[in-house]
Amino acid sequence: MRIWLAGINVRRKKLIFFAINGVFVGSAAMLLLSRVGAAQPSTGTGIELQAIGSVVIGGAPMSGGKGSVLGTFCGVLLLGVIGNALNMMRVNPYIQDVIIGLLIIFAVAVSSLRLRSEKAMME
C-alpha cells in the first residue's frame, strides 16, 4: 500500500532521507574515529548537548519557530572558540561543561525574553 500526501510518496521519501542520514552519520563517524584513533562505544557521548546548544545559541527558539543556517553556523563557531579557549587555559573539563551549560541557559533566557517582547508589541 502506498501512502500519498499532496502527490508525494511519503514512504519513498522517508527511505531516501534515512539513507542520506546514514551516509552522513557514517562519514562523521569515520572522520571522528580517524581523528581519535580508536573506536569505543562511548565515543561521541555528550555531543548532542553541543549540537542542540549550538542551534540555540545561534538563535533558534526552544519553543519552536524558525532558525537560520547562518545563526547555527555562528553558534557552532562561538562554541568552538569558547571550548578551544577554555582548553588553552587548562580549565577542568567538568567546569567547561558547566560553562557551556550556563551559556545555553543564557541563550534560552534571551530567546524567551525576545519572544515575550515581540508578543507584547503585537498586543
Protein backbone atom coordinates (compact mmCIF):
# COMPACT_ATOMS: atom_id res chain seq x y z
CA MET A 1 0.00 0.00 0.00
CA ARG A 2 1.37 3.38 -0.99
CA ILE A 3 0.77 6.46 1.12
CA TRP A 4 0.37 9.66 -0.84
CA LEU A 5 0.12 13.10 0.68
CA ALA A 6 -0.24 16.00 -1.75
CA GLY A 7 1.20 13.84 -4.53
CA ILE A 8 4.31 12.87 -2.56
CA ASN A 9 5.20 9.24 -1.92
CA VAL A 10 5.90 9.53 1.81
CA ARG A 11 7.38 6.05 2.30
CA ARG A 12 9.84 6.54 -0.54
CA LYS A 13 10.92 9.97 0.75
CA LYS A 14 11.35 8.57 4.27
CA LEU A 15 13.57 5.82 2.93
CA ILE A 16 15.65 8.30 0.94
CA PHE A 17 16.08 10.66 3.90
CA PHE A 18 17.03 7.85 6.27
CA ALA A 19 19.58 6.59 3.71
CA ILE A 20 21.07 10.10 3.37
CA ASN A 21 21.18 10.37 7.17
CA GLY A 22 23.02 7.04 7.34
CA VAL A 23 25.62 8.26 4.84
CA PHE A 24 26.19 11.46 6.84
CA VAL A 25 26.42 9.57 10.16
CA GLY A 26 28.86 7.08 8.65
CA SER A 27 31.03 9.87 7.24
CA ALA A 28 31.03 11.74 10.55
CA ALA A 29 31.92 8.54 12.42
CA MET A 30 34.84 7.84 10.08
CA LEU A 31 36.14 11.39 10.47
CA LEU A 32 35.83 11.31 14.25
CA LEU A 33 37.41 7.87 14.62
CA SER A 34 40.26 8.72 12.27
CA ARG A 35 40.98 11.72 14.47
CA VAL A 36 40.70 9.82 17.77
CA GLY A 37 42.34 6.64 16.52
CA ALA A 38 40.19 4.18 18.46
CA ALA A 39 36.60 3.01 18.48
CA GLN A 40 34.84 2.98 21.83
CA PRO A 41 31.12 2.50 22.48
CA SER A 42 31.08 5.76 24.42
CA THR A 43 32.76 7.81 21.69
CA GLY A 44 30.70 10.89 20.99
CA THR A 45 28.79 10.88 24.25
CA GLY A 46 27.74 14.42 25.06
CA ILE A 47 27.99 15.76 21.52
CA GLU A 48 24.18 16.03 21.43
CA LEU A 49 24.32 18.79 24.04
CA GLN A 50 26.83 20.68 21.93
CA ALA A 51 24.69 20.30 18.80
CA ILE A 52 21.50 21.48 20.49
CA GLY A 53 23.42 24.22 22.29
CA SER A 54 24.91 25.47 19.02
CA VAL A 55 21.48 25.77 17.44
CA VAL A 56 20.03 27.53 20.50
CA ILE A 57 22.99 29.89 20.77
CA GLY A 58 22.60 30.54 17.05
CA GLY A 59 19.15 31.98 17.68
CA ALA A 60 16.64 29.18 17.14
CA PRO A 61 13.94 29.39 19.84
CA MET A 62 13.41 26.31 22.03
CA SER A 63 9.65 26.85 21.94
CA GLY A 64 9.58 26.27 18.20
CA GLY A 65 9.84 28.61 15.31
CA LYS A 66 12.49 29.45 12.77
CA GLY A 67 16.23 29.31 12.99
CA SER A 68 18.74 30.10 10.30
CA VAL A 69 21.73 28.30 8.87
CA LEU A 70 23.89 31.38 9.40
CA GLY A 71 22.81 31.63 13.05
CA THR A 72 23.55 27.95 13.62
CA PHE A 73 26.95 28.36 11.98
CA CYS A 74 27.70 31.32 14.25
CA GLY A 75 26.59 29.26 17.27
CA VAL A 76 28.90 26.39 16.30
CA LEU A 77 31.74 28.84 15.73
CA LEU A 78 31.16 30.55 19.09
CA LEU A 79 31.01 27.24 20.99
CA GLY A 80 34.16 26.06 19.23
CA VAL A 81 36.08 29.23 20.05
CA ILE A 82 34.94 29.15 23.69
CA GLY A 83 35.79 25.45 24.02
CA ASN A 84 39.21 25.98 22.47
CA ALA A 85 39.93 28.97 24.72
CA LEU A 86 38.92 27.00 27.80
CA ASN A 87 41.20 24.14 26.73
CA MET A 88 44.11 26.52 26.19
CA MET A 89 43.54 27.98 29.67
CA ARG A 90 43.59 24.39 31.01
CA VAL A 91 40.15 24.63 32.58
CA ASN A 92 38.85 21.38 34.06
CA PRO A 93 36.59 19.56 31.51
CA TYR A 94 33.77 19.34 34.07
CA ILE A 95 33.90 23.10 34.56
CA GLN A 96 33.88 23.52 30.77
CA ASP A 97 30.58 21.61 30.61
CA VAL A 98 29.16 23.87 33.32
CA ILE A 99 30.26 27.00 31.43
CA ILE A 100 28.72 25.73 28.18
CA GLY A 101 25.52 24.83 30.05
CA LEU A 102 25.35 28.34 31.53
CA LEU A 103 25.86 29.80 28.06
CA ILE A 104 22.96 27.70 26.74
CA ILE A 105 20.75 28.78 29.66
CA PHE A 106 21.64 32.41 28.92
CA ALA A 107 20.77 31.95 25.22
CA VAL A 108 17.40 30.36 26.12
CA ALA A 109 16.65 33.21 28.52
CA VAL A 110 17.47 35.84 25.90
CA SER A 111 15.33 33.98 23.35
CA SER A 112 12.40 33.78 25.74
CA LEU A 113 12.67 37.47 26.65
CA ARG A 114 12.79 38.35 22.96
CA LEU A 115 9.67 36.30 22.24
CA ARG A 116 7.83 37.92 25.17
CA SER A 117 8.72 41.41 23.98
CA GLU A 118 7.57 40.56 20.44
CA LYS A 119 4.24 39.27 21.77
CA ALA A 120 3.83 42.37 23.93
CA MET A 121 4.47 44.64 20.95
CA MET A 122 1.86 42.82 18.86
CA GLU A 123 -0.84 43.29 21.50
